[in-house]
Amino acid sequence: MATLNFTVDDLLVRYHCKTYTELANLLDLDKSTISLWRTNGLPKGYQRLLYIESSLPLKRRRKREKI
């Protein structure tokens, strides 16, 4: 498997969020968790999920619903 090195900024782009607060709300996490991830990097579980998601063909990816 390739080296996993996604960042919080990659999540902002992937999920079309403008702020870290918006990202935290989308992922149903506390803002402090996002801050911790910015400092220490994303946990391996999220890294794996993003790797798998980015490997899917475009037509099989889930579209984000606008709220």
Protein backbone atom coordinates (compact mmCIF):
# COMPACT_ATOMS: atom_id res chain seq x y z
CA MET A 1 0.00 0.00 0.00
CA ALA A 2 1.16 3.51 -0.73
CA THR A 3 2.35 5.83 2.00
CA LEU A 4 -0.65 7.54 3.54
CA ASN A 5 -0.13 11.23 4.20
CA PHE A 6 -3.41 13.06 3.84
CA THR A 7 -3.79 16.27 5.84
CA VAL A 8 -6.68 18.20 7.32
CA ASP A 9 -6.35 20.61 4.41
CA ASP A 10 -6.92 17.66 2.06
CA LEU A 11 -10.18 17.00 3.94
CA LEU A 12 -11.23 20.63 3.50
CA VAL A 13 -10.77 20.34 -0.25
CA ARG A 14 -12.31 16.87 -0.56
CA TYR A 15 -15.47 17.78 1.34
CA HIS A 16 -15.71 21.35 0.00
CA CYS A 17 -15.49 22.96 3.45
CA LYS A 18 -14.32 26.53 3.88
CA THR A 19 -13.44 26.39 7.58
CA TYR A 20 -12.22 23.88 10.12
CA THR A 21 -15.45 24.40 12.06
CA GLU A 22 -17.50 23.45 9.01
CA LEU A 23 -15.35 20.33 8.59
CA ALA A 24 -15.78 19.39 12.26
CA ASN A 25 -19.56 19.75 11.94
CA LEU A 26 -19.63 17.68 8.76
CA LEU A 27 -17.63 14.86 10.36
CA ASP A 28 -19.59 15.20 13.63
CA LEU A 29 -16.39 15.90 15.56
CA ASP A 30 -15.34 18.55 18.02
CA LYS A 31 -13.24 21.45 16.76
CA SER A 32 -10.50 20.39 19.18
CA THR A 33 -10.24 17.06 17.36
CA ILE A 34 -9.61 18.85 14.07
CA SER A 35 -6.99 21.01 15.79
CA LEU A 36 -5.30 17.90 17.18
CA TRP A 37 -5.27 16.35 13.70
CA ARG A 38 -3.70 19.50 12.27
CA THR A 39 -0.92 19.23 14.86
CA ASN A 40 -0.37 15.45 14.92
CA GLY A 41 -1.71 14.35 11.56
CA LEU A 42 -4.78 12.32 10.68
CA PRO A 43 -5.26 8.97 12.45
CA LYS A 44 -4.40 5.88 10.41
CA GLY A 45 -8.07 4.85 10.15
CA TYR A 46 -9.00 8.09 8.40
CA GLN A 47 -5.88 7.84 6.25
CA ARG A 48 -6.96 4.38 5.06
CA LEU A 49 -10.52 5.53 4.40
CA LEU A 50 -9.30 8.45 2.29
CA TYR A 51 -6.89 6.21 0.40
CA ILE A 52 -9.68 3.77 -0.48
CA GLU A 53 -12.11 6.57 -1.33
CA SER A 54 -9.60 8.27 -3.61
CA SER A 55 -8.93 4.97 -5.41
CA LEU A 56 -12.59 4.53 -6.41
CA PRO A 57 -13.68 5.49 -9.93
CA LEU A 58 -15.57 8.80 -10.00
CA LYS A 59 -18.90 7.20 -10.88
CA ARG A 60 -18.74 4.95 -7.77
CA ARG A 61 -17.98 7.75 -5.32
CA ARG A 62 -20.70 9.08 -3.08
CA LYS A 63 -21.81 12.60 -3.79
CA ARG A 64 -21.93 15.00 -0.85
CA GLU A 65 -25.42 16.26 -0.19
CA LYS A 66 -25.91 19.98 0.37
CA ILE A 67 -27.68 20.80 3.64
